Each structure stands twice: as structure tokens, then as C-alpha cells.
Full PDB file with SEQRES, HELIX, SHEET, SSBOND, CRYST1, ORIGX, SCALE, CONECT and MASTER records, all heavy atoms in Angstrom:
SEQRES   1 A   39  ILE THR GLY ARG HIS GLY VAL ASP PRO ALA ALA VAL HIS          
SEQRES   2 A   39  ALA SER ASP GLU LEU THR ARG GLU LEU GLN ALA LEU LEU          
SEQRES   3 A   39  ALA ASP GLU LEU ARG VAL GLN LEU ALA TRP PRO ASP ALA          
HELIX    1 AA1 THR A    2  HIS A    5  1                                   4    
HELIX    2 AA2 PRO A    9  ALA A   14  1                                   6    
HELIX    3 AA3 ASP A   16  ALA A   24  1                                   9    
HELIX    4 AA4 LEU A   25  GLU A   29  3                                   5    
CRYST1    1.000    1.000    1.000  90.00  90.00  90.00 P 1           1          
ORIGX1      1.000000  0.000000  0.000000        0.00000                         
ORIGX2      0.000000  1.000000  0.000000        0.00000                         
ORIGX3      0.000000  0.000000  1.000000        0.00000                         
SCALE1      1.000000  0.000000  0.000000        0.00000                         
SCALE2      0.000000  1.000000  0.000000        0.00000                         
SCALE3      0.000000  0.000000  1.000000        0.00000                         
ATOM      1  N   ILE A   1      58.019 130.963  78.475  1.00  0.00           N  
ATOM      2  CA  ILE A   1      58.627 131.111  79.751  1.00  0.00           C  
ATOM      3  C   ILE A   1      60.200 131.128  79.673  1.00  0.00           C  
ATOM      4  O   ILE A   1      60.800 131.894  80.340  1.00  0.00           O  
ATOM      5  CB  ILE A   1      58.118 130.054  80.700  1.00  0.00           C  
ATOM      6  CG1 ILE A   1      56.542 130.114  80.884  1.00  0.00           C  
ATOM      7  CG2 ILE A   1      58.819 130.170  82.102  1.00  0.00           C  
ATOM      8  CD1 ILE A   1      56.042 131.343  81.447  1.00  0.00           C  
ATOM      9  N   THR A   2      60.732 130.197  78.895  1.00  0.00           N  
ATOM     10  CA  THR A   2      62.174 130.083  78.745  1.00  0.00           C  
ATOM     11  C   THR A   2      62.680 131.323  78.058  1.00  0.00           C  
ATOM     12  O   THR A   2      63.713 131.911  78.465  1.00  0.00           O  
ATOM     13  CB  THR A   2      62.557 128.911  77.967  1.00  0.00           C  
ATOM     14  OG1 THR A   2      61.892 128.883  76.695  1.00  0.00           O  
ATOM     15  CG2 THR A   2      62.165 127.585  78.581  1.00  0.00           C  
ATOM     16  N   GLY A   3      61.948 131.859  77.097  1.00  0.00           N  
ATOM     17  CA  GLY A   3      62.325 133.132  76.430  1.00  0.00           C  
ATOM     18  C   GLY A   3      62.230 134.348  77.375  1.00  0.00           C  
ATOM     19  O   GLY A   3      63.080 135.269  77.409  1.00  0.00           O  
ATOM     20  N   ARG A   4      61.178 134.374  78.173  1.00  0.00           N  
ATOM     21  CA  ARG A   4      60.959 135.564  79.070  1.00  0.00           C  
ATOM     22  C   ARG A   4      62.097 135.570  80.096  1.00  0.00           C  
ATOM     23  O   ARG A   4      62.479 136.713  80.465  1.00  0.00           O  
ATOM     24  CB  ARG A   4      59.671 135.306  79.742  1.00  0.00           C  
ATOM     25  CG  ARG A   4      59.111 136.321  80.611  1.00  0.00           C  
ATOM     26  CD  ARG A   4      57.803 135.958  81.250  1.00  0.00           C  
ATOM     27  NE  ARG A   4      56.744 135.774  80.379  1.00  0.00           N  
ATOM     28  CZ  ARG A   4      55.518 135.353  80.726  1.00  0.00           C  
ATOM     29  NH1 ARG A   4      55.350 135.051  81.991  1.00  0.00           N  
ATOM     30  NH2 ARG A   4      54.554 135.133  79.793  1.00  0.00           N  
ATOM     31  N   HIS A   5      62.553 134.470  80.514  1.00  0.00           N  
ATOM     32  CA  HIS A   5      63.587 134.452  81.648  1.00  0.00           C  
ATOM     33  C   HIS A   5      64.968 134.120  81.168  1.00  0.00           C  
ATOM     34  O   HIS A   5      65.946 134.137  82.004  1.00  0.00           O  
ATOM     35  CB  HIS A   5      63.127 133.569  82.732  1.00  0.00           C  
ATOM     36  CG  HIS A   5      61.923 133.994  83.384  1.00  0.00           C  
ATOM     37  ND1 HIS A   5      61.828 134.918  84.361  1.00  0.00           N  
ATOM     38  CD2 HIS A   5      60.600 133.520  83.271  1.00  0.00           C  
ATOM     39  CE1 HIS A   5      60.597 135.060  84.826  1.00  0.00           C  
ATOM     40  NE2 HIS A   5      59.804 134.252  84.170  1.00  0.00           N  
ATOM     41  N   GLY A   6      65.173 133.833  79.908  1.00  0.00           N  
ATOM     42  CA  GLY A   6      66.506 133.423  79.395  1.00  0.00           C  
ATOM     43  C   GLY A   6      67.051 132.163  80.003  1.00  0.00           C  
ATOM     44  O   GLY A   6      68.263 132.135  80.300  1.00  0.00           O  
ATOM     45  N   VAL A   7      66.181 131.195  80.232  1.00  0.00           N  
ATOM     46  CA  VAL A   7      66.562 129.895  80.801  1.00  0.00           C  
ATOM     47  C   VAL A   7      66.170 128.805  79.887  1.00  0.00           C  
ATOM     48  O   VAL A   7      65.407 128.943  78.941  1.00  0.00           O  
ATOM     49  CB  VAL A   7      65.899 129.716  82.182  1.00  0.00           C  
ATOM     50  CG1 VAL A   7      66.419 130.770  83.133  1.00  0.00           C  
ATOM     51  CG2 VAL A   7      64.403 129.685  82.094  1.00  0.00           C  
ATOM     52  N   ASP A   8      66.685 127.641  80.248  1.00  0.00           N  
ATOM     53  CA  ASP A   8      66.400 126.386  79.492  1.00  0.00           C  
ATOM     54  C   ASP A   8      65.152 125.675  80.173  1.00  0.00           C  
ATOM     55  O   ASP A   8      64.823 125.997  81.245  1.00  0.00           O  
ATOM     56  CB  ASP A   8      67.596 125.516  79.422  1.00  0.00           C  
ATOM     57  CG  ASP A   8      68.670 125.957  78.585  1.00  0.00           C  
ATOM     58  OD1 ASP A   8      68.363 126.603  77.529  1.00  0.00           O  
ATOM     59  OD2 ASP A   8      69.893 125.703  78.940  1.00  0.00           O  
ATOM     60  N   PRO A   9      64.491 124.715  79.361  1.00  0.00           N  
ATOM     61  CA  PRO A   9      63.361 124.071  79.938  1.00  0.00           C  
ATOM     62  C   PRO A   9      63.708 123.384  81.289  1.00  0.00           C  
ATOM     63  O   PRO A   9      62.790 123.318  82.169  1.00  0.00           O  
ATOM     64  CB  PRO A   9      63.011 123.062  78.836  1.00  0.00           C  
ATOM     65  CG  PRO A   9      63.369 123.656  77.584  1.00  0.00           C  
ATOM     66  CD  PRO A   9      64.686 124.417  77.949  1.00  0.00           C  
ATOM     67  N   ALA A  10      64.886 122.703  81.445  1.00  0.00           N  
ATOM     68  CA  ALA A  10      65.134 122.133  82.630  1.00  0.00           C  
ATOM     69  C   ALA A  10      65.156 123.109  83.822  1.00  0.00           C  
ATOM     70  O   ALA A  10      64.826 122.626  84.989  1.00  0.00           O  
ATOM     71  CB  ALA A  10      66.542 121.372  82.514  1.00  0.00           C  
ATOM     72  N   ALA A  11      65.513 124.257  83.596  1.00  0.00           N  
ATOM     73  CA  ALA A  11      65.532 125.265  84.754  1.00  0.00           C  
ATOM     74  C   ALA A  11      64.147 125.632  85.173  1.00  0.00           C  
ATOM     75  O   ALA A  11      63.872 125.877  86.316  1.00  0.00           O  
ATOM     76  CB  ALA A  11      66.274 126.574  84.326  1.00  0.00           C  
ATOM     77  N   VAL A  12      63.241 125.609  84.265  1.00  0.00           N  
ATOM     78  CA  VAL A  12      61.778 125.846  84.551  1.00  0.00           C  
ATOM     79  C   VAL A  12      61.304 124.656  85.397  1.00  0.00           C  
ATOM     80  O   VAL A  12      60.568 124.811  86.442  1.00  0.00           O  
ATOM     81  CB  VAL A  12      60.898 125.946  83.288  1.00  0.00           C  
ATOM     82  CG1 VAL A  12      59.475 126.137  83.628  1.00  0.00           C  
ATOM     83  CG2 VAL A  12      61.377 127.198  82.442  1.00  0.00           C  
ATOM     84  N   HIS A  13      61.613 123.397  85.007  1.00  0.00           N  
ATOM     85  CA  HIS A  13      61.159 122.275  85.729  1.00  0.00           C  
ATOM     86  C   HIS A  13      61.747 122.253  87.091  1.00  0.00           C  
ATOM     87  O   HIS A  13      61.183 121.793  88.153  1.00  0.00           O  
ATOM     88  CB  HIS A  13      61.603 120.916  84.962  1.00  0.00           C  
ATOM     89  CG  HIS A  13      61.097 119.748  85.664  1.00  0.00           C  
ATOM     90  ND1 HIS A  13      62.071 118.784  86.028  1.00  0.00           N  
ATOM     91  CD2 HIS A  13      59.916 119.242  85.937  1.00  0.00           C  
ATOM     92  CE1 HIS A  13      61.454 117.803  86.606  1.00  0.00           C  
ATOM     93  NE2 HIS A  13      60.198 117.974  86.573  1.00  0.00           N  
ATOM     94  N   ALA A  14      62.973 122.729  87.247  1.00  0.00           N  
ATOM     95  CA  ALA A  14      63.694 122.623  88.532  1.00  0.00           C  
ATOM     96  C   ALA A  14      63.191 123.780  89.486  1.00  0.00           C  
ATOM     97  O   ALA A  14      63.555 123.733  90.687  1.00  0.00           O  
ATOM     98  CB  ALA A  14      65.206 122.867  88.435  1.00  0.00           C  
ATOM     99  N   SER A  15      62.455 124.777  89.044  1.00  0.00           N  
ATOM    100  CA  SER A  15      62.048 125.912  89.803  1.00  0.00           C  
ATOM    101  C   SER A  15      60.575 125.768  90.000  1.00  0.00           C  
ATOM    102  O   SER A  15      59.765 125.866  89.132  1.00  0.00           O  
ATOM    103  CB  SER A  15      62.310 127.168  89.140  1.00  0.00           C  
ATOM    104  OG  SER A  15      61.748 128.301  89.676  1.00  0.00           O  
ATOM    105  N   ASP A  16      60.180 125.742  91.360  1.00  0.00           N  
ATOM    106  CA  ASP A  16      58.643 125.676  91.626  1.00  0.00           C  
ATOM    107  C   ASP A  16      58.128 127.053  91.151  1.00  0.00           C  
ATOM    108  O   ASP A  16      56.965 127.039  90.632  1.00  0.00           O  
ATOM    109  CB  ASP A  16      58.525 125.598  93.108  1.00  0.00           C  
ATOM    110  CG  ASP A  16      58.898 124.159  93.668  1.00  0.00           C  
ATOM    111  OD1 ASP A  16      59.003 123.180  92.773  1.00  0.00           O  
ATOM    112  OD2 ASP A  16      59.080 124.036  94.846  1.00  0.00           O  
ATOM    113  N   GLU A  17      58.877 128.067  91.326  1.00  0.00           N  
ATOM    114  CA  GLU A  17      58.253 129.496  90.940  1.00  0.00           C  
ATOM    115  C   GLU A  17      58.020 129.472  89.438  1.00  0.00           C  
ATOM    116  O   GLU A  17      56.987 129.945  88.976  1.00  0.00           O  
ATOM    117  CB  GLU A  17      59.194 130.555  91.310  1.00  0.00           C  
ATOM    118  CG  GLU A  17      58.693 131.978  91.085  1.00  0.00           C  
ATOM    119  CD  GLU A  17      59.621 133.008  91.471  1.00  0.00           C  
ATOM    120  OE1 GLU A  17      60.581 132.734  92.162  1.00  0.00           O  
ATOM    121  OE2 GLU A  17      59.411 134.242  91.190  1.00  0.00           O  
ATOM    122  N   LEU A  18      59.015 129.080  88.650  1.00  0.00           N  
ATOM    123  CA  LEU A  18      58.841 129.159  87.168  1.00  0.00           C  
ATOM    124  C   LEU A  18      57.807 128.199  86.682  1.00  0.00           C  
ATOM    125  O   LEU A  18      57.104 128.352  85.751  1.00  0.00           O  
ATOM    126  CB  LEU A  18      60.205 128.848  86.465  1.00  0.00           C  
ATOM    127  CG  LEU A  18      61.207 130.020  86.667  1.00  0.00           C  
ATOM    128  CD1 LEU A  18      62.520 129.638  85.846  1.00  0.00           C  
ATOM    129  CD2 LEU A  18      60.587 131.320  86.080  1.00  0.00           C  
ATOM    130  N   THR A  19      57.690 126.992  87.357  1.00  0.00           N  
ATOM    131  CA  THR A  19      56.747 125.987  86.972  1.00  0.00           C  
ATOM    132  C   THR A  19      55.301 126.502  87.264  1.00  0.00           C  
ATOM    133  O   THR A  19      54.427 126.450  86.376  1.00  0.00           O  
ATOM    134  CB  THR A  19      56.928 124.722  87.796  1.00  0.00           C  
ATOM    135  OG1 THR A  19      58.129 124.135  87.398  1.00  0.00           O  
ATOM    136  CG2 THR A  19      55.833 123.693  87.441  1.00  0.00           C  
ATOM    137  N   ARG A  20      55.141 127.296  88.372  1.00  0.00           N  
ATOM    138  CA  ARG A  20      53.864 127.901  88.606  1.00  0.00           C  
ATOM    139  C   ARG A  20      53.543 128.934  87.615  1.00  0.00           C  
ATOM    140  O   ARG A  20      52.351 129.199  87.235  1.00  0.00           O  
ATOM    141  CB  ARG A  20      53.784 128.446  90.036  1.00  0.00           C  
ATOM    142  CG  ARG A  20      53.776 127.282  91.182  1.00  0.00           C  
ATOM    143  CD  ARG A  20      53.391 128.012  92.572  1.00  0.00           C  
ATOM    144  NE  ARG A  20      54.398 128.795  93.000  1.00  0.00           N  
ATOM    145  CZ  ARG A  20      55.467 128.436  93.760  1.00  0.00           C  
ATOM    146  NH1 ARG A  20      55.510 127.220  94.155  1.00  0.00           N  
ATOM    147  NH2 ARG A  20      56.385 129.308  94.191  1.00  0.00           N  
ATOM    148  N   GLU A  21      54.579 129.670  87.147  1.00  0.00           N  
ATOM    149  CA  GLU A  21      54.350 130.768  86.213  1.00  0.00           C  
ATOM    150  C   GLU A  21      53.889 130.104  84.844  1.00  0.00           C  
ATOM    151  O   GLU A  21      52.995 130.706  84.222  1.00  0.00           O  
ATOM    152  CB  GLU A  21      55.617 131.513  86.041  1.00  0.00           C  
ATOM    153  CG  GLU A  21      55.388 132.748  85.045  1.00  0.00           C  
ATOM    154  CD  GLU A  21      56.765 133.601  84.997  1.00  0.00           C  
ATOM    155  OE1 GLU A  21      57.660 133.499  85.858  1.00  0.00           O  
ATOM    156  OE2 GLU A  21      56.862 134.312  83.918  1.00  0.00           O  
ATOM    157  N   LEU A  22      54.489 128.977  84.521  1.00  0.00           N  
ATOM    158  CA  LEU A  22      54.105 128.319  83.261  1.00  0.00           C  
ATOM    159  C   LEU A  22      52.598 127.751  83.498  1.00  0.00           C  
ATOM    160  O   LEU A  22      51.847 127.911  82.529  1.00  0.00           O  
ATOM    161  CB  LEU A  22      55.031 127.137  83.136  1.00  0.00           C  
ATOM    162  CG  LEU A  22      54.585 126.116  81.994  1.00  0.00           C  
ATOM    163  CD1 LEU A  22      54.522 126.824  80.556  1.00  0.00           C  
ATOM    164  CD2 LEU A  22      55.533 124.897  81.940  1.00  0.00           C  
ATOM    165  N   GLN A  23      52.316 127.231  84.595  1.00  0.00           N  
ATOM    166  CA  GLN A  23      50.947 126.740  84.846  1.00  0.00           C  
ATOM    167  C   GLN A  23      49.929 127.882  84.810  1.00  0.00           C  
ATOM    168  O   GLN A  23      48.840 127.714  84.277  1.00  0.00           O  
ATOM    169  CB  GLN A  23      50.907 125.959  86.133  1.00  0.00           C  
ATOM    170  CG  GLN A  23      51.716 124.738  86.095  1.00  0.00           C  
ATOM    171  CD  GLN A  23      51.806 123.937  87.443  1.00  0.00           C  
ATOM    172  OE1 GLN A  23      51.920 124.682  88.526  1.00  0.00           O  
ATOM    173  NE2 GLN A  23      51.801 122.671  87.478  1.00  0.00           N  
ATOM    174  N   ALA A  24      50.365 129.066  85.299  1.00  0.00           N  
ATOM    175  CA  ALA A  24      49.395 130.140  85.250  1.00  0.00           C  
ATOM    176  C   ALA A  24      49.096 130.686  83.883  1.00  0.00           C  
ATOM    177  O   ALA A  24      48.022 130.958  83.451  1.00  0.00           O  
ATOM    178  CB  ALA A  24      49.993 131.274  86.125  1.00  0.00           C  
ATOM    179  N   LEU A  25      50.202 130.623  83.051  1.00  0.00           N  
ATOM    180  CA  LEU A  25      50.108 131.059  81.643  1.00  0.00           C  
ATOM    181  C   LEU A  25      49.183 130.069  80.932  1.00  0.00           C  
ATOM    182  O   LEU A  25      48.304 130.467  80.108  1.00  0.00           O  
ATOM    183  CB  LEU A  25      51.528 131.024  80.987  1.00  0.00           C  
ATOM    184  CG  LEU A  25      51.512 131.257  79.452  1.00  0.00           C  
ATOM    185  CD1 LEU A  25      51.000 132.673  79.181  1.00  0.00           C  
ATOM    186  CD2 LEU A  25      52.922 131.112  78.917  1.00  0.00           C  
ATOM    187  N   LEU A  26      49.292 128.775  81.156  1.00  0.00           N  
ATOM    188  CA  LEU A  26      48.476 127.724  80.564  1.00  0.00           C  
ATOM    189  C   LEU A  26      46.991 127.868  80.975  1.00  0.00           C  
ATOM    190  O   LEU A  26      46.148 127.918  80.167  1.00  0.00           O  
ATOM    191  CB  LEU A  26      48.994 126.325  80.864  1.00  0.00           C  
ATOM    192  CG  LEU A  26      50.279 125.926  80.087  1.00  0.00           C  
ATOM    193  CD1 LEU A  26      50.920 124.676  80.772  1.00  0.00           C  
ATOM    194  CD2 LEU A  26      50.040 125.624  78.640  1.00  0.00           C  
ATOM    195  N   ALA A  27      46.819 127.954  82.292  1.00  0.00           N  
ATOM    196  CA  ALA A  27      45.484 127.928  82.809  1.00  0.00           C  
ATOM    197  C   ALA A  27      44.711 129.180  82.667  1.00  0.00           C  
ATOM    198  O   ALA A  27      43.515 129.251  82.227  1.00  0.00           O  
ATOM    199  CB  ALA A  27      45.504 127.512  84.373  1.00  0.00           C  
ATOM    200  N   ASP A  28      45.326 130.326  82.863  1.00  0.00           N  
ATOM    201  CA  ASP A  28      44.683 131.650  82.851  1.00  0.00           C  
ATOM    202  C   ASP A  28      44.549 132.254  81.407  1.00  0.00           C  
ATOM    203  O   ASP A  28      43.484 132.777  81.077  1.00  0.00           O  
ATOM    204  CB  ASP A  28      45.321 132.616  83.844  1.00  0.00           C  
ATOM    205  CG  ASP A  28      45.347 132.025  85.301  1.00  0.00           C  
ATOM    206  OD1 ASP A  28      44.495 131.177  85.583  1.00  0.00           O  
ATOM    207  OD2 ASP A  28      46.251 132.492  86.054  1.00  0.00           O  
ATOM    208  N   GLU A  29      45.734 132.216  80.699  1.00  0.00           N  
ATOM    209  CA  GLU A  29      45.660 132.943  79.531  1.00  0.00           C  
ATOM    210  C   GLU A  29      45.221 131.977  78.269  1.00  0.00           C  
ATOM    211  O   GLU A  29      44.528 132.395  77.504  1.00  0.00           O  
ATOM    212  CB  GLU A  29      47.071 133.494  79.216  1.00  0.00           C  
ATOM    213  CG  GLU A  29      47.121 134.369  77.936  1.00  0.00           C  
ATOM    214  CD  GLU A  29      48.369 135.138  77.828  1.00  0.00           C  
ATOM    215  OE1 GLU A  29      49.039 135.355  78.832  1.00  0.00           O  
ATOM    216  OE2 GLU A  29      48.743 135.712  76.770  1.00  0.00           O  
ATOM    217  N   LEU A  30      45.680 130.726  78.349  1.00  0.00           N  
ATOM    218  CA  LEU A  30      45.427 129.864  77.299  1.00  0.00           C  
ATOM    219  C   LEU A  30      44.186 128.952  77.561  1.00  0.00           C  
ATOM    220  O   LEU A  30      43.795 128.254  76.662  1.00  0.00           O  
ATOM    221  CB  LEU A  30      46.670 128.991  76.929  1.00  0.00           C  
ATOM    222  CG  LEU A  30      47.909 129.757  76.644  1.00  0.00           C  
ATOM    223  CD1 LEU A  30      49.169 128.739  76.452  1.00  0.00           C  
ATOM    224  CD2 LEU A  30      47.676 130.416  75.230  1.00  0.00           C  
ATOM    225  N   ARG A  31      43.739 128.904  78.722  1.00  0.00           N  
ATOM    226  CA  ARG A  31      42.502 128.144  79.250  1.00  0.00           C  
ATOM    227  C   ARG A  31      42.758 126.742  78.941  1.00  0.00           C  
ATOM    228  O   ARG A  31      41.925 126.113  78.428  1.00  0.00           O  
ATOM    229  CB  ARG A  31      41.329 128.764  78.537  1.00  0.00           C  
ATOM    230  CG  ARG A  31      40.895 130.102  79.012  1.00  0.00           C  
ATOM    231  CD  ARG A  31      39.613 130.617  78.384  1.00  0.00           C  
ATOM    232  NE  ARG A  31      39.834 130.769  77.049  1.00  0.00           N  
ATOM    233  CZ  ARG A  31      38.905 130.700  76.101  1.00  0.00           C  
ATOM    234  NH1 ARG A  31      37.666 130.287  76.413  1.00  0.00           N  
ATOM    235  NH2 ARG A  31      39.082 131.030  74.874  1.00  0.00           N  
ATOM    236  N   VAL A  32      43.891 126.239  79.369  1.00  0.00           N  
ATOM    237  CA  VAL A  32      44.241 124.835  79.358  1.00  0.00           C  
ATOM    238  C   VAL A  32      43.751 124.116  80.682  1.00  0.00           C  
ATOM    239  O   VAL A  32      43.913 124.680  81.743  1.00  0.00           O  
ATOM    240  CB  VAL A  32      45.777 124.669  79.172  1.00  0.00           C  
ATOM    241  CG1 VAL A  32      46.138 123.171  79.357  1.00  0.00           C  
ATOM    242  CG2 VAL A  32      46.191 125.086  77.789  1.00  0.00           C  
ATOM    243  N   GLN A  33      43.154 123.071  80.557  1.00  0.00           N  
ATOM    244  CA  GLN A  33      42.726 122.230  81.747  1.00  0.00           C  
ATOM    245  C   GLN A  33      43.904 121.524  82.350  1.00  0.00           C  
ATOM    246  O   GLN A  33      44.505 120.622  81.652  1.00  0.00           O  
ATOM    247  CB  GLN A  33      41.643 121.239  81.387  1.00  0.00           C  
ATOM    248  CG  GLN A  33      41.208 120.309  82.510  1.00  0.00           C  
ATOM    249  CD  GLN A  33      40.138 119.348  82.050  1.00  0.00           C  
ATOM    250  OE1 GLN A  33      38.929 119.571  82.311  1.00  0.00           O  
ATOM    251  NE2 GLN A  33      40.559 118.214  81.567  1.00  0.00           N  
ATOM    252  N   LEU A  34      44.326 121.794  83.533  1.00  0.00           N  
ATOM    253  CA  LEU A  34      45.449 121.236  84.168  1.00  0.00           C  
ATOM    254  C   LEU A  34      45.230 120.033  85.061  1.00  0.00           C  
ATOM    255  O   LEU A  34      46.035 119.247  85.439  1.00  0.00           O  
ATOM    256  CB  LEU A  34      46.266 122.249  84.926  1.00  0.00           C  
ATOM    257  CG  LEU A  34      46.911 123.459  84.122  1.00  0.00           C  
ATOM    258  CD1 LEU A  34      47.663 124.340  85.097  1.00  0.00           C  
ATOM    259  CD2 LEU A  34      47.679 122.987  82.946  1.00  0.00           C  
ATOM    260  N   ALA A  35      43.908 119.869  85.353  1.00  0.00           N  
ATOM    261  CA  ALA A  35      43.518 118.787  86.270  1.00  0.00           C  
ATOM    262  C   ALA A  35      42.029 118.426  85.909  1.00  0.00           C  
ATOM    263  O   ALA A  35      41.175 119.310  85.531  1.00  0.00           O  
ATOM    264  CB  ALA A  35      43.619 119.135  87.755  1.00  0.00           C  
ATOM    265  N   TRP A  36      41.701 117.209  86.047  1.00  0.00           N  
ATOM    266  CA  TRP A  36      40.287 116.767  85.816  1.00  0.00           C  
ATOM    267  C   TRP A  36      39.504 116.943  87.106  1.00  0.00           C  
ATOM    268  O   TRP A  36      40.067 116.878  88.206  1.00  0.00           O  
ATOM    269  CB  TRP A  36      40.322 115.238  85.501  1.00  0.00           C  
ATOM    270  CG  TRP A  36      40.860 114.954  84.120  1.00  0.00           C  
ATOM    271  CD1 TRP A  36      42.032 114.439  83.896  1.00  0.00           C  
ATOM    272  CD2 TRP A  36      40.130 114.949  82.914  1.00  0.00           C  
ATOM    273  NE1 TRP A  36      42.183 114.174  82.526  1.00  0.00           N  
ATOM    274  CE2 TRP A  36      41.033 114.506  81.875  1.00  0.00           C  
ATOM    275  CE3 TRP A  36      38.844 115.458  82.530  1.00  0.00           C  
ATOM    276  CZ2 TRP A  36      40.702 114.438  80.588  1.00  0.00           C  
ATOM    277  CZ3 TRP A  36      38.549 115.322  81.200  1.00  0.00           C  
ATOM    278  CH2 TRP A  36      39.352 114.860  80.246  1.00  0.00           C  
ATOM    279  N   PRO A  37      38.250 117.213  87.005  1.00  0.00           N  
ATOM    280  CA  PRO A  37      37.385 117.153  88.231  1.00  0.00           C  
ATOM    281  C   PRO A  37      37.561 115.866  88.872  1.00  0.00           C  
ATOM    282  O   PRO A  37      37.722 114.757  88.270  1.00  0.00           O  
ATOM    283  CB  PRO A  37      35.891 117.314  87.605  1.00  0.00           C  
ATOM    284  CG  PRO A  37      36.222 118.028  86.346  1.00  0.00           C  
ATOM    285  CD  PRO A  37      37.446 117.613  85.819  1.00  0.00           C  
ATOM    286  N   ASP A  38      37.529 115.832  90.217  1.00  0.00           N  
ATOM    287  CA  ASP A  38      37.896 114.532  90.926  1.00  0.00           C  
ATOM    288  C   ASP A  38      37.028 113.412  90.613  1.00  0.00           C  
ATOM    289  O   ASP A  38      37.514 112.270  90.412  1.00  0.00           O  
ATOM    290  CB  ASP A  38      37.818 114.801  92.488  1.00  0.00           C  
ATOM    291  CG  ASP A  38      38.587 113.733  93.257  1.00  0.00           C  
ATOM    292  OD1 ASP A  38      39.712 113.530  92.972  1.00  0.00           O  
ATOM    293  OD2 ASP A  38      37.851 113.040  94.075  1.00  0.00           O  
ATOM    294  N   ALA A  39      35.670 113.616  90.369  1.00  0.00           N  
ATOM    295  CA  ALA A  39      34.834 112.552  89.969  1.00  0.00           C  
ATOM    296  C   ALA A  39      35.283 111.903  88.685  1.00  0.00           C  
ATOM    297  O   ALA A  39      35.156 110.676  88.488  1.00  0.00           O  
ATOM    298  CB  ALA A  39      33.430 113.070  89.984  1.00  0.00           C  
TER     299      ALA A  39                                                      
MASTER        0    0    0    4    0    0    0    6  298    1    0    3          
END                                                                             
């Protein structure tokens, strides 16, 4: 994400949009679990 947009990690953290993009990459492409089932 930082390479794609030419920004530093802090800028990703400060941006809701970039954070969501990172989460989408993790969840959709890499199949990372971002949250546990509530139970």
C-alpha cells in the first residue's frame, strides 16, 4: 500500500481510506482473518 501510493506507513494509518484499502488487500486477496467470530 505504501509503495502503491508513495506514502509512509503513518499516512496509511492516518487515512481511513488507505486503512480500508489495506484491510481489503489483507482480507480479500491474502485471506487474512481480521476479526474473530463474536462467540
